[in-house]
Amino acid sequence: MRSYSELRSAVEDASVYTTTMETLKGIQAAGRLGIHVRSAISRALASHGIGHLPPDLPPNQDDEVRLYLLGTPIADVVSAVLSPSERGDATLRSVASSDAQEKLVQIRDIVCGSSADGI
């Protein structure tokens, strides 16, 4: 992957896309993953409509990052979990009220990693 537009296409296709910090560092054409590089990556992702978990990008190039499109139901759930509010509570209630088990598995996968990893 060589550009943020290619990355956005991959995220659109997957809904939630997992990549490494090494990949993001390469797209950013950066050296070390210091605080300023990680902040620049985060801003670049946001400018392409992409959110990320964890909220603070890790400094290790081998660490995985989960990416999702901003403005989607997945982004709403992530926001509801990370920034509690009345609106977020309503979002979480709606998740719990329909197809609850499947959606909870999806949320757990987004926040904690794949359920195939034994979580």
PDB file of N, CA and C in Angstrom:
ATOM      1  N   MET A   1       0.856  -1.165   0.000  1.00  0.00           N
ATOM      2  CA  MET A   1       0.000   0.000   0.000  1.00  0.00           C
ATOM      3  C   MET A   1       0.901   1.227   0.000  1.00  0.00           C
ATOM      4  N   ARG A   2       0.602   2.150  -0.922  1.00  0.00           N
ATOM      5  CA  ARG A   2       1.514   3.269  -1.089  1.00  0.00           C
ATOM      6  C   ARG A   2       0.902   4.642  -0.855  1.00  0.00           C
ATOM      7  N   SER A   3      -0.402   4.709  -0.647  1.00  0.00           N
ATOM      8  CA  SER A   3      -1.020   6.027  -0.478  1.00  0.00           C
ATOM      9  C   SER A   3      -2.231   5.930   0.447  1.00  0.00           C
ATOM     10  N   TYR A   4      -2.611   7.101   0.967  1.00  0.00           N
ATOM     11  CA  TYR A   4      -3.796   7.142   1.815  1.00  0.00           C
ATOM     12  C   TYR A   4      -5.059   6.832   1.018  1.00  0.00           C
ATOM     13  N   SER A   5      -5.091   7.172  -0.263  1.00  0.00           N
ATOM     14  CA  SER A   5      -6.282   6.850  -1.055  1.00  0.00           C
ATOM     15  C   SER A   5      -6.410   5.339  -1.249  1.00  0.00           C
ATOM     16  N   GLU A   6      -5.290   4.639  -1.446  1.00  0.00           N
ATOM     17  CA  GLU A   6      -5.335   3.172  -1.519  1.00  0.00           C
ATOM     18  C   GLU A   6      -5.787   2.589  -0.185  1.00  0.00           C
ATOM     19  N   LEU A   7      -5.283   3.167   0.896  1.00  0.00           N
ATOM     20  CA  LEU A   7      -5.664   2.700   2.227  1.00  0.00           C
ATOM     21  C   LEU A   7      -7.157   2.909   2.455  1.00  0.00           C
ATOM     22  N   ARG A   8      -7.670   4.064   2.064  1.00  0.00           N
ATOM     23  CA  ARG A   8      -9.104   4.323   2.230  1.00  0.00           C
ATOM     24  C   ARG A   8      -9.930   3.299   1.460  1.00  0.00           C
ATOM     25  N   SER A   9      -9.520   2.960   0.264  1.00  0.00           N
ATOM     26  CA  SER A   9     -10.236   1.943  -0.518  1.00  0.00           C
ATOM     27  C   SER A   9     -10.249   0.606   0.207  1.00  0.00           C
ATOM     28  N   ALA A  10      -9.126   0.248   0.810  1.00  0.00           N
ATOM     29  CA  ALA A  10      -9.057  -1.014   1.560  1.00  0.00           C
ATOM     30  C   ALA A  10      -9.985  -0.978   2.767  1.00  0.00           C
ATOM     31  N   VAL A  11     -10.045   0.165   3.450  1.00  0.00           N
ATOM     32  CA  VAL A  11     -10.933   0.303   4.612  1.00  0.00           C
ATOM     33  C   VAL A  11     -12.387   0.247   4.157  1.00  0.00           C
ATOM     34  N   GLU A  12     -12.715   0.891   3.053  1.00  0.00           N
ATOM     35  CA  GLU A  12     -14.083   0.846   2.524  1.00  0.00           C
ATOM     36  C   GLU A  12     -14.498  -0.587   2.226  1.00  0.00           C
ATOM     37  N   ASP A  13     -13.594  -1.362   1.658  1.00  0.00           N
ATOM     38  CA  ASP A  13     -13.898  -2.752   1.307  1.00  0.00           C
ATOM     39  C   ASP A  13     -14.092  -3.632   2.536  1.00  0.00           C
ATOM     40  N   ALA A  14     -13.337  -3.355   3.600  1.00  0.00           N
ATOM     41  CA  ALA A  14     -13.335  -4.242   4.766  1.00  0.00           C
ATOM     42  C   ALA A  14     -14.236  -3.769   5.902  1.00  0.00           C
ATOM     43  N   SER A  15     -14.676  -2.541   5.908  1.00  0.00           N
ATOM     44  CA  SER A  15     -15.406  -1.913   7.019  1.00  0.00           C
ATOM     45  C   SER A  15     -14.488  -1.640   8.204  1.00  0.00           C
ATOM     46  N   VAL A  16     -13.785  -2.652   8.663  1.00  0.00           N
ATOM     47  CA  VAL A  16     -12.741  -2.491   9.675  1.00  0.00           C
ATOM     48  C   VAL A  16     -11.503  -3.154   9.093  1.00  0.00           C
ATOM     49  N   TYR A  17     -10.436  -2.390   8.977  1.00  0.00           N
ATOM     50  CA  TYR A  17      -9.225  -2.866   8.316  1.00  0.00           C
ATOM     51  C   TYR A  17      -8.076  -2.846   9.314  1.00  0.00           C
ATOM     52  N   THR A  18      -7.352  -3.936   9.399  1.00  0.00           N
ATOM     53  CA  THR A  18      -6.211  -4.025  10.300  1.00  0.00           C
ATOM     54  C   THR A  18      -4.926  -3.881   9.501  1.00  0.00           C
ATOM     55  N   THR A  19      -4.047  -3.021   9.989  1.00  0.00           N
ATOM     56  CA  THR A  19      -2.742  -2.834   9.369  1.00  0.00           C
ATOM     57  C   THR A  19      -1.717  -2.615  10.469  1.00  0.00           C
ATOM     58  N   THR A  20      -0.475  -2.449  10.083  1.00  0.00           N
ATOM     59  CA  THR A  20       0.580  -2.207  11.067  1.00  0.00           C
ATOM     60  C   THR A  20       1.019  -0.749  11.011  1.00  0.00           C
ATOM     61  N   MET A  21       1.656  -0.336  12.069  1.00  0.00           N
ATOM     62  CA  MET A  21       2.225   1.003  12.087  1.00  0.00           C
ATOM     63  C   MET A  21       3.318   1.132  11.033  1.00  0.00           C
ATOM     64  N   GLU A  22       3.983   0.044  10.718  1.00  0.00           N
ATOM     65  CA  GLU A  22       5.003   0.074   9.670  1.00  0.00           C
ATOM     66  C   GLU A  22       4.387   0.493   8.331  1.00  0.00           C
ATOM     67  N   THR A  23       3.218  -0.037   8.019  1.00  0.00           N
ATOM     68  CA  THR A  23       2.535   0.338   6.780  1.00  0.00           C
ATOM     69  C   THR A  23       2.171   1.818   6.796  1.00  0.00           C
ATOM     70  N   LEU A  24       1.623   2.279   7.912  1.00  0.00           N
ATOM     71  CA  LEU A  24       1.245   3.693   8.012  1.00  0.00           C
ATOM     72  C   LEU A  24       2.473   4.591   7.922  1.00  0.00           C
ATOM     73  N   LYS A  25       3.558   4.172   8.553  1.00  0.00           N
ATOM     74  CA  LYS A  25       4.811   4.929   8.488  1.00  0.00           C
ATOM     75  C   LYS A  25       5.293   5.027   7.042  1.00  0.00           C
ATOM     76  N   GLY A  26       5.173   3.935   6.292  1.00  0.00           N
ATOM     77  CA  GLY A  26       5.578   3.939   4.889  1.00  0.00           C
ATOM     78  C   GLY A  26       4.726   4.862   4.038  1.00  0.00           C
ATOM     79  N   ILE A  27       3.421   4.828   4.257  1.00  0.00           N
ATOM     80  CA  ILE A  27       2.523   5.715   3.506  1.00  0.00           C
ATOM     81  C   ILE A  27       2.851   7.173   3.810  1.00  0.00           C
ATOM     82  N   GLN A  28       3.181   7.452   5.057  1.00  0.00           N
ATOM     83  CA  GLN A  28       3.508   8.812   5.481  1.00  0.00           C
ATOM     84  C   GLN A  28       4.913   9.217   5.015  1.00  0.00           C
ATOM     85  N   ALA A  29       5.699   8.235   4.547  1.00  0.00           N
ATOM     86  CA  ALA A  29       7.093   8.472   4.140  1.00  0.00           C
ATOM     87  C   ALA A  29       7.881   9.080   5.291  1.00  0.00           C
ATOM     88  N   ALA A  30       7.717   8.467   6.455  1.00  0.00           N
ATOM     89  CA  ALA A  30       8.345   8.973   7.667  1.00  0.00           C
ATOM     90  C   ALA A  30       9.447   8.033   8.134  1.00  0.00           C
ATOM     91  N   GLY A  31      10.278   8.545   8.993  1.00  0.00           N
ATOM     92  CA  GLY A  31      11.327   7.747   9.606  1.00  0.00           C
ATOM     93  C   GLY A  31      10.814   7.087  10.868  1.00  0.00           C
ATOM     94  N   ARG A  32      11.311   7.525  11.988  1.00  0.00           N
ATOM     95  CA  ARG A  32      10.926   6.935  13.263  1.00  0.00           C
ATOM     96  C   ARG A  32       9.507   7.351  13.644  1.00  0.00           C
ATOM     97  N   LEU A  33       8.865   6.481  14.408  1.00  0.00           N
ATOM     98  CA  LEU A  33       7.477   6.731  14.815  1.00  0.00           C
ATOM     99  C   LEU A  33       7.418   7.535  16.113  1.00  0.00           C
ATOM    100  N   GLY A  34       8.035   8.694  16.092  1.00  0.00           N
ATOM    101  CA  GLY A  34       7.969   9.586  17.241  1.00  0.00           C
ATOM    102  C   GLY A  34       6.587  10.219  17.347  1.00  0.00           C
ATOM    103  N   ILE A  35       6.390  10.984  18.394  1.00  0.00           N
ATOM    104  CA  ILE A  35       5.086  11.578  18.678  1.00  0.00           C
ATOM    105  C   ILE A  35       4.607  12.463  17.522  1.00  0.00           C
ATOM    106  N   HIS A  36       5.509  13.214  16.900  1.00  0.00           N
ATOM    107  CA  HIS A  36       5.102  14.122  15.822  1.00  0.00           C
ATOM    108  C   HIS A  36       4.707  13.349  14.565  1.00  0.00           C
ATOM    109  N   VAL A  37       5.420  12.273  14.274  1.00  0.00           N
ATOM    110  CA  VAL A  37       5.073  11.437  13.120  1.00  0.00           C
ATOM    111  C   VAL A  37       3.731  10.765  13.361  1.00  0.00           C
ATOM    112  N   ARG A  38       3.526  10.236  14.567  1.00  0.00           N
ATOM    113  CA  ARG A  38       2.246   9.580  14.872  1.00  0.00           C
ATOM    114  C   ARG A  38       1.100  10.578  14.802  1.00  0.00           C
ATOM    115  N   SER A  39       1.316  11.795  15.275  1.00  0.00           N
ATOM    116  CA  SER A  39       0.279  12.833  15.186  1.00  0.00           C
ATOM    117  C   SER A  39      -0.015  13.180  13.733  1.00  0.00           C
ATOM    118  N   ALA A  40       1.029  13.263  12.921  1.00  0.00           N
ATOM    119  CA  ALA A  40       0.837  13.562  11.498  1.00  0.00           C
ATOM    120  C   ALA A  40       0.061  12.439  10.809  1.00  0.00           C
ATOM    121  N   ILE A  41       0.364  11.194  11.159  1.00  0.00           N
ATOM    122  CA  ILE A  41      -0.365  10.059  10.591  1.00  0.00           C
ATOM    123  C   ILE A  41      -1.833  10.134  10.994  1.00  0.00           C
ATOM    124  N   SER A  42      -2.090  10.411  12.261  1.00  0.00           N
ATOM    125  CA  SER A  42      -3.466  10.500  12.751  1.00  0.00           C
ATOM    126  C   SER A  42      -4.235  11.595  12.011  1.00  0.00           C
ATOM    127  N   ARG A  43      -3.605  12.746  11.830  1.00  0.00           N
ATOM    128  CA  ARG A  43      -4.254  13.848  11.103  1.00  0.00           C
ATOM    129  C   ARG A  43      -4.498  13.478   9.642  1.00  0.00           C
ATOM    130  N   ALA A  44      -3.526  12.809   9.031  1.00  0.00           N
ATOM    131  CA  ALA A  44      -3.683  12.406   7.627  1.00  0.00           C
ATOM    132  C   ALA A  44      -4.812  11.396   7.477  1.00  0.00           C
ATOM    133  N   LEU A  45      -4.891  10.448   8.408  1.00  0.00           N
ATOM    134  CA  LEU A  45      -5.990   9.481   8.366  1.00  0.00           C
ATOM    135  C   LEU A  45      -7.327  10.211   8.460  1.00  0.00           C
ATOM    136  N   ALA A  46      -7.443  11.125   9.425  1.00  0.00           N
ATOM    137  CA  ALA A  46      -8.695  11.866   9.607  1.00  0.00           C
ATOM    138  C   ALA A  46      -9.041  12.678   8.359  1.00  0.00           C
ATOM    139  N   SER A  47      -8.033  13.251   7.720  1.00  0.00           N
ATOM    140  CA  SER A  47      -8.308  14.055   6.526  1.00  0.00           C
ATOM    141  C   SER A  47      -8.804  13.200   5.362  1.00  0.00           C
ATOM    142  N   HIS A  48      -8.560  11.900   5.440  1.00  0.00           N
ATOM    143  CA  HIS A  48      -9.070  10.963   4.433  1.00  0.00           C
ATOM    144  C   HIS A  48     -10.321  10.234   4.925  1.00  0.00           C
ATOM    145  N   GLY A  49     -10.877  10.715   6.053  1.00  0.00           N
ATOM    146  CA  GLY A  49     -12.115  10.137   6.566  1.00  0.00           C
ATOM    147  C   GLY A  49     -11.933   8.805   7.255  1.00  0.00           C
ATOM    148  N   ILE A  50     -10.734   8.571   7.799  1.00  0.00           N
ATOM    149  CA  ILE A  50     -10.425   7.297   8.445  1.00  0.00           C
ATOM    150  C   ILE A  50     -10.139   7.528   9.920  1.00  0.00           C
ATOM    151  N   GLY A  51     -10.813   6.745  10.763  1.00  0.00           N
ATOM    152  CA  GLY A  51     -10.532   6.744  12.188  1.00  0.00           C
ATOM    153  C   GLY A  51      -9.652   5.558  12.526  1.00  0.00           C
ATOM    154  N   HIS A  52      -9.096   5.561  13.745  1.00  0.00           N
ATOM    155  CA  HIS A  52      -8.196   4.472  14.120  1.00  0.00           C
ATOM    156  C   HIS A  52      -8.328   4.093  15.591  1.00  0.00           C
ATOM    157  N   LEU A  53      -8.021   2.845  15.845  1.00  0.00           N
ATOM    158  CA  LEU A  53      -7.902   2.296  17.191  1.00  0.00           C
ATOM    159  C   LEU A  53      -6.566   1.584  17.280  1.00  0.00           C
ATOM    160  N   PRO A  54      -5.822   1.797  18.336  1.00  0.00           N
ATOM    161  CA  PRO A  54      -6.157   2.605  19.499  1.00  0.00           C
ATOM    162  C   PRO A  54      -6.173   4.103  19.155  1.00  0.00           C
ATOM    163  N   PRO A  55      -6.826   4.881  20.022  1.00  0.00           N
ATOM    164  CA  PRO A  55      -6.923   6.321  19.763  1.00  0.00           C
ATOM    165  C   PRO A  55      -5.552   7.001  19.690  1.00  0.00           C
ATOM    166  N   ASP A  56      -4.609   6.540  20.504  1.00  0.00           N
ATOM    167  CA  ASP A  56      -3.233   7.029  20.441  1.00  0.00           C
ATOM    168  C   ASP A  56      -2.420   5.997  19.681  1.00  0.00           C
ATOM    169  N   LEU A  57      -1.954   6.361  18.503  1.00  0.00           N
ATOM    170  CA  LEU A  57      -1.211   5.415  17.681  1.00  0.00           C
ATOM    171  C   LEU A  57       0.057   4.963  18.407  1.00  0.00           C
ATOM    172  N   PRO A  58       0.356   3.671  18.344  1.00  0.00           N
ATOM    173  CA  PRO A  58       1.507   3.138  19.072  1.00  0.00           C
ATOM    174  C   PRO A  58       2.834   3.473  18.381  1.00  0.00           C
ATOM    175  N   PRO A  59       3.934   3.507  19.153  1.00  0.00           N
ATOM    176  CA  PRO A  59       5.237   3.858  18.594  1.00  0.00           C
ATOM    177  C   PRO A  59       5.988   2.690  17.947  1.00  0.00           C
ATOM    178  N   ASN A  60       5.511   1.475  18.132  1.00  0.00           N
ATOM    179  CA  ASN A  60       6.198   0.297  17.605  1.00  0.00           C
ATOM    180  C   ASN A  60       5.670  -0.029  16.215  1.00  0.00           C
ATOM    181  N   GLN A  61       6.555  -0.137  15.240  1.00  0.00           N
ATOM    182  CA  GLN A  61       6.119  -0.379  13.861  1.00  0.00           C
ATOM    183  C   GLN A  61       5.447  -1.729  13.673  1.00  0.00           C
ATOM    184  N   ASP A  62       5.661  -2.670  14.587  1.00  0.00           N
ATOM    185  CA  ASP A  62       5.034  -3.987  14.476  1.00  0.00           C
ATOM    186  C   ASP A  62       3.626  -4.027  15.065  1.00  0.00           C
ATOM    187  N   ASP A  63       3.235  -2.984  15.792  1.00  0.00           N
ATOM    188  CA  ASP A  63       1.909  -2.965  16.412  1.00  0.00           C
ATOM    189  C   ASP A  63       0.819  -2.814  15.359  1.00  0.00           C
ATOM    190  N   GLU A  64      -0.299  -3.504  15.616  1.00  0.00           N
ATOM    191  CA  GLU A  64      -1.441  -3.423  14.710  1.00  0.00           C
ATOM    192  C   GLU A  64      -2.348  -2.262  15.084  1.00  0.00           C
ATOM    193  N   VAL A  65      -2.988  -1.727  14.066  1.00  0.00           N
ATOM    194  CA  VAL A  65      -3.943  -0.634  14.221  1.00  0.00           C
ATOM    195  C   VAL A  65      -5.185  -1.015  13.440  1.00  0.00           C
ATOM    196  N   ARG A  66      -6.351  -0.751  14.020  1.00  0.00           N
ATOM    197  CA  ARG A  66      -7.604  -1.004  13.325  1.00  0.00           C
ATOM    198  C   ARG A  66      -8.127   0.309  12.776  1.00  0.00           C
ATOM    199  N   LEU A  67      -8.489   0.282  11.517  1.00  0.00           N
ATOM    200  CA  LEU A  67      -8.966   1.477  10.827  1.00  0.00           C
ATOM    201  C   LEU A  67     -10.419   1.299  10.423  1.00  0.00           C
ATOM    202  N   TYR A  68     -11.174   2.389  10.460  1.00  0.00           N
ATOM    203  CA  TYR A  68     -12.590   2.372  10.090  1.00  0.00           C
ATOM    204  C   TYR A  68     -12.924   3.731   9.492  1.00  0.00           C
ATOM    205  N   LEU A  69     -14.005   3.778   8.741  1.00  0.00           N
ATOM    206  CA  LEU A  69     -14.412   5.037   8.132  1.00  0.00           C
ATOM    207  C   LEU A  69     -15.177   5.894   9.132  1.00  0.00           C
ATOM    208  N   LEU A  70     -14.825   7.154   9.175  1.00  0.00           N
ATOM    209  CA  LEU A  70     -15.551   8.099  10.019  1.00  0.00           C
ATOM    210  C   LEU A  70     -16.939   8.318   9.425  1.00  0.00           C
ATOM    211  N   GLY A  71     -17.913   8.583  10.295  1.00  0.00           N
ATOM    212  CA  GLY A  71     -19.268   8.833   9.829  1.00  0.00           C
ATOM    213  C   GLY A  71     -20.077   7.580   9.546  1.00  0.00           C
ATOM    214  N   THR A  72     -19.553   6.428   9.935  1.00  0.00           N
ATOM    215  CA  THR A  72     -20.256   5.161   9.732  1.00  0.00           C
ATOM    216  C   THR A  72     -20.794   4.656  11.066  1.00  0.00           C
ATOM    217  N   PRO A  73     -21.684   3.668  11.041  1.00  0.00           N
ATOM    218  CA  PRO A  73     -22.160   3.090  12.301  1.00  0.00           C
ATOM    219  C   PRO A  73     -21.021   2.553  13.173  1.00  0.00           C
ATOM    220  N   ILE A  74     -19.982   2.017  12.553  1.00  0.00           N
ATOM    221  CA  ILE A  74     -18.837   1.544  13.342  1.00  0.00           C
ATOM    222  C   ILE A  74     -18.193   2.712  14.074  1.00  0.00           C
ATOM    223  N   ALA A  75     -18.029   3.826  13.394  1.00  0.00           N
ATOM    224  CA  ALA A  75     -17.455   5.010  14.032  1.00  0.00           C
ATOM    225  C   ALA A  75     -18.339   5.494  15.175  1.00  0.00           C
ATOM    226  N   ASP A  76     -19.657   5.408  15.000  1.00  0.00           N
ATOM    227  CA  ASP A  76     -20.580   5.810  16.066  1.00  0.00           C
ATOM    228  C   ASP A  76     -20.399   4.938  17.304  1.00  0.00           C
ATOM    229  N   VAL A  77     -20.239   3.637  17.094  1.00  0.00           N
ATOM    230  CA  VAL A  77     -20.059   2.722  18.224  1.00  0.00           C
ATOM    231  C   VAL A  77     -18.725   2.984  18.910  1.00  0.00           C
ATOM    232  N   VAL A  78     -17.671   3.164  18.137  1.00  0.00           N
ATOM    233  CA  VAL A  78     -16.357   3.455  18.720  1.00  0.00           C
ATOM    234  C   VAL A  78     -16.432   4.729  19.547  1.00  0.00           C
ATOM    235  N   SER A  79     -17.055   5.759  19.003  1.00  0.00           N
ATOM    236  CA  SER A  79     -17.202   7.016  19.725  1.00  0.00           C
ATOM    237  C   SER A  79     -18.015   6.835  21.002  1.00  0.00           C
ATOM    238  N   ALA A  80     -19.071   6.041  20.920  1.00  0.00           N
ATOM    239  CA  ALA A  80     -19.918   5.802  22.095  1.00  0.00           C
ATOM    240  C   ALA A  80     -19.146   5.108  23.205  1.00  0.00           C
ATOM    241  N   VAL A  81     -18.255   4.218  22.838  1.00  0.00           N
ATOM    242  CA  VAL A  81     -17.471   3.490  23.838  1.00  0.00           C
ATOM    243  C   VAL A  81     -16.363   4.373  24.412  1.00  0.00           C
ATOM    244  N   LEU A  82     -15.680   5.119  23.556  1.00  0.00           N
ATOM    245  CA  LEU A  82     -14.524   5.894  24.000  1.00  0.00           C
ATOM    246  C   LEU A  82     -14.888   7.232  24.630  1.00  0.00           C
ATOM    247  N   SER A  83     -16.025   7.801  24.263  1.00  0.00           N
ATOM    248  CA  SER A  83     -16.445   9.106  24.779  1.00  0.00           C
ATOM    249  C   SER A  83     -17.894   9.017  25.236  1.00  0.00           C
ATOM    250  N   PRO A  84     -18.115   8.512  26.436  1.00  0.00           N
ATOM    251  CA  PRO A  84     -19.488   8.317  26.911  1.00  0.00           C
ATOM    252  C   PRO A  84     -20.303   9.613  26.880  1.00  0.00           C
ATOM    253  N   SER A  85     -21.545   9.475  26.412  1.00  0.00           N
ATOM    254  CA  SER A  85     -22.478  10.598  26.360  1.00  0.00           C
ATOM    255  C   SER A  85     -23.886  10.025  26.263  1.00  0.00           C
ATOM    256  N   GLU A  86     -24.889  10.891  26.407  1.00  0.00           N
ATOM    257  CA  GLU A  86     -26.269  10.420  26.266  1.00  0.00           C
ATOM    258  C   GLU A  86     -26.515   9.892  24.856  1.00  0.00           C
ATOM    259  N   ARG A  87     -26.003  10.596  23.864  1.00  0.00           N
ATOM    260  CA  ARG A  87     -26.154  10.132  22.478  1.00  0.00           C
ATOM    261  C   ARG A  87     -25.451   8.787  22.291  1.00  0.00           C
ATOM    262  N   GLY A  88     -24.267   8.662  22.867  1.00  0.00           N
ATOM    263  CA  GLY A  88     -23.538   7.401  22.790  1.00  0.00           C
ATOM    264  C   GLY A  88     -24.282   6.273  23.474  1.00  0.00           C
ATOM    265  N   ASP A  89     -24.903   6.590  24.608  1.00  0.00           N
ATOM    266  CA  ASP A  89     -25.700   5.574  25.303  1.00  0.00           C
ATOM    267  C   ASP A  89     -26.833   5.084  24.410  1.00  0.00           C
ATOM    268  N   ALA A  90     -27.464   6.005  23.698  1.00  0.00           N
ATOM    269  CA  ALA A  90     -28.547   5.615  22.783  1.00  0.00           C
ATOM    270  C   ALA A  90     -28.012   4.728  21.663  1.00  0.00           C
ATOM    271  N   THR A  91     -26.834   5.057  21.171  1.00  0.00           N
ATOM    272  CA  THR A  91     -26.213   4.223  20.134  1.00  0.00           C
ATOM    273  C   THR A  91     -25.970   2.823  20.655  1.00  0.00           C
ATOM    274  N   LEU A  92     -25.426   2.725  21.858  1.00  0.00           N
ATOM    275  CA  LEU A  92     -25.150   1.407  22.437  1.00  0.00           C
ATOM    276  C   LEU A  92     -26.434   0.638  22.710  1.00  0.00           C
ATOM    277  N   ARG A  93     -27.482   1.344  23.146  1.00  0.00           N
ATOM    278  CA  ARG A  93     -28.767   0.667  23.365  1.00  0.00           C
ATOM    279  C   ARG A  93     -29.318   0.109  22.059  1.00  0.00           C
ATOM    280  N   SER A  94     -29.166   0.862  20.979  1.00  0.00           N
ATOM    281  CA  SER A  94     -29.678   0.375  19.695  1.00  0.00           C
ATOM    282  C   SER A  94     -28.891  -0.840  19.224  1.00  0.00           C
ATOM    283  N   VAL A  95     -27.618  -0.874  19.528  1.00  0.00           N
ATOM    284  CA  VAL A  95     -26.814  -2.049  19.191  1.00  0.00           C
ATOM    285  C   VAL A  95     -27.305  -3.250  19.986  1.00  0.00           C
ATOM    286  N   ALA A  96     -27.623  -3.020  21.242  1.00  0.00           N
ATOM    287  CA  ALA A  96     -28.056  -4.114  22.111  1.00  0.00           C
ATOM    288  C   ALA A  96     -29.456  -4.605  21.767  1.00  0.00           C
ATOM    289  N   SER A  97     -30.264  -3.762  21.138  1.00  0.00           N
ATOM    290  CA  SER A  97     -31.656  -4.143  20.918  1.00  0.00           C
ATOM    291  C   SER A  97     -31.889  -4.973  19.662  1.00  0.00           C
ATOM    292  N   SER A  98     -30.986  -4.928  18.689  1.00  0.00           N
ATOM    293  CA  SER A  98     -31.200  -5.700  17.469  1.00  0.00           C
ATOM    294  C   SER A  98     -29.920  -6.418  17.079  1.00  0.00           C
ATOM    295  N   ASP A  99     -30.048  -7.703  16.839  1.00  0.00           N
ATOM    296  CA  ASP A  99     -28.886  -8.527  16.500  1.00  0.00           C
ATOM    297  C   ASP A  99     -27.764  -8.325  17.515  1.00  0.00           C
ATOM    298  N   ALA A 100     -28.125  -8.297  18.777  1.00  0.00           N
ATOM    299  CA  ALA A 100     -27.193  -7.929  19.834  1.00  0.00           C
ATOM    300  C   ALA A 100     -25.931  -8.778  19.856  1.00  0.00           C
ATOM    301  N   GLN A 101     -26.078 -10.062  19.825  1.00  0.00           N
ATOM    302  CA  GLN A 101     -24.903 -10.917  19.957  1.00  0.00           C
ATOM    303  C   GLN A 101     -23.907 -10.677  18.824  1.00  0.00           C
ATOM    304  N   GLU A 102     -24.403 -10.627  17.597  1.00  0.00           N
ATOM    305  CA  GLU A 102     -23.516 -10.411  16.449  1.00  0.00           C
ATOM    306  C   GLU A 102     -22.821  -9.057  16.541  1.00  0.00           C
ATOM    307  N   LYS A 103     -23.560  -8.024  16.913  1.00  0.00           N
ATOM    308  CA  LYS A 103     -22.974  -6.696  17.005  1.00  0.00           C
ATOM    309  C   LYS A 103     -21.971  -6.607  18.148  1.00  0.00           C
ATOM    310  N   LEU A 104     -22.265  -7.256  19.269  1.00  0.00           N
ATOM    311  CA  LEU A 104     -21.315  -7.239  20.374  1.00  0.00           C
ATOM    312  C   LEU A 104     -20.014  -7.931  19.998  1.00  0.00           C
ATOM    313  N   VAL A 105     -20.106  -9.004  19.252  1.00  0.00           N
ATOM    314  CA  VAL A 105     -18.898  -9.677  18.764  1.00  0.00           C
ATOM    315  C   VAL A 105     -18.118  -8.730  17.858  1.00  0.00           C
ATOM    316  N   GLN A 106     -18.813  -8.006  16.994  1.00  0.00           N
ATOM    317  CA  GLN A 106     -18.145  -7.057  16.106  1.00  0.00           C
ATOM    318  C   GLN A 106     -17.462  -5.952  16.902  1.00  0.00           C
ATOM    319  N   ILE A 107     -18.140  -5.432  17.908  1.00  0.00           N
ATOM    320  CA  ILE A 107     -17.556  -4.382  18.743  1.00  0.00           C
ATOM    321  C   ILE A 107     -16.324  -4.910  19.462  1.00  0.00           C
ATOM    322  N   ARG A 108     -16.442  -6.108  20.041  1.00  0.00           N
ATOM    323  CA  ARG A 108     -15.304  -6.702  20.743  1.00  0.00           C
ATOM    324  C   ARG A 108     -14.135  -6.879  19.778  1.00  0.00           C
ATOM    325  N   ASP A 109     -14.419  -7.319  18.561  1.00  0.00           N
ATOM    326  CA  ASP A 109     -13.362  -7.492  17.564  1.00  0.00           C
ATOM    327  C   ASP A 109     -12.686  -6.164  17.239  1.00  0.00           C
ATOM    328  N   ILE A 110     -13.474  -5.105  17.132  1.00  0.00           N
ATOM    329  CA  ILE A 110     -12.919  -3.795  16.816  1.00  0.00           C
ATOM    330  C   ILE A 110     -12.048  -3.288  17.956  1.00  0.00           C
ATOM    331  N   VAL A 111     -12.558  -3.366  19.170  1.00  0.00           N
ATOM    332  CA  VAL A 111     -11.871  -2.785  20.315  1.00  0.00           C
ATOM    333  C   VAL A 111     -10.725  -3.662  20.806  1.00  0.00           C
ATOM    334  N   CYS A 112     -10.931  -4.972  20.816  1.00  0.00           N
ATOM    335  CA  CYS A 112      -9.965  -5.878  21.444  1.00  0.00           C
ATOM    336  C   CYS A 112      -9.159  -6.711  20.465  1.00  0.00           C
ATOM    337  N   GLY A 113      -9.562  -6.783  19.241  1.00  0.00           N
ATOM    338  CA  GLY A 113      -8.901  -7.668  18.284  1.00  0.00           C
ATOM    339  C   GLY A 113      -9.836  -8.776  17.887  1.00  0.00           C
ATOM    340  N   SER A 114      -9.432  -9.531  16.926  1.00  0.00           N
ATOM    341  CA  SER A 114     -10.277 -10.582  16.352  1.00  0.00           C
ATOM    342  C   SER A 114     -10.646 -11.645  17.367  1.00  0.00           C
ATOM    343  N   SER A 115     -11.913 -12.101  17.321  1.00  0.00           N
ATOM    344  CA  SER A 115     -12.349 -13.184  18.208  1.00  0.00           C
ATOM    345  C   SER A 115     -11.640 -14.473  17.851  1.00  0.00           C
ATOM    346  N   ALA A 116     -11.079 -14.532  16.652  1.00  0.00           N
ATOM    347  CA  ALA A 116     -10.304 -15.707  16.261  1.00  0.00           C
ATOM    348  C   ALA A 116      -9.014 -15.793  17.063  1.00  0.00           C
ATOM    349  N   ASP A 117      -8.628 -14.685  17.705  1.00  0.00           N
ATOM    350  CA  ASP A 117      -7.429 -14.684  18.531  1.00  0.00           C
ATOM    351  C   ASP A 117      -7.708 -15.226  19.924  1.00  0.00           C
ATOM    352  N   GLY A 118      -8.915 -15.706  20.150  1.00  0.00           N
ATOM    353  CA  GLY A 118      -9.258 -16.298  21.433  1.00  0.00           C
ATOM    354  C   GLY A 118      -9.808 -15.324  22.440  1.00  0.00           C
ATOM    355  N   ILE A 119     -10.219 -14.164  21.988  1.00  0.00           N
ATOM    356  CA  ILE A 119     -10.769 -13.163  22.907  1.00  0.00           C
ATOM    357  C   ILE A 119     -12.265 -13.324  22.953  1.00  0.00           C
TER     358      ILE A 119
END
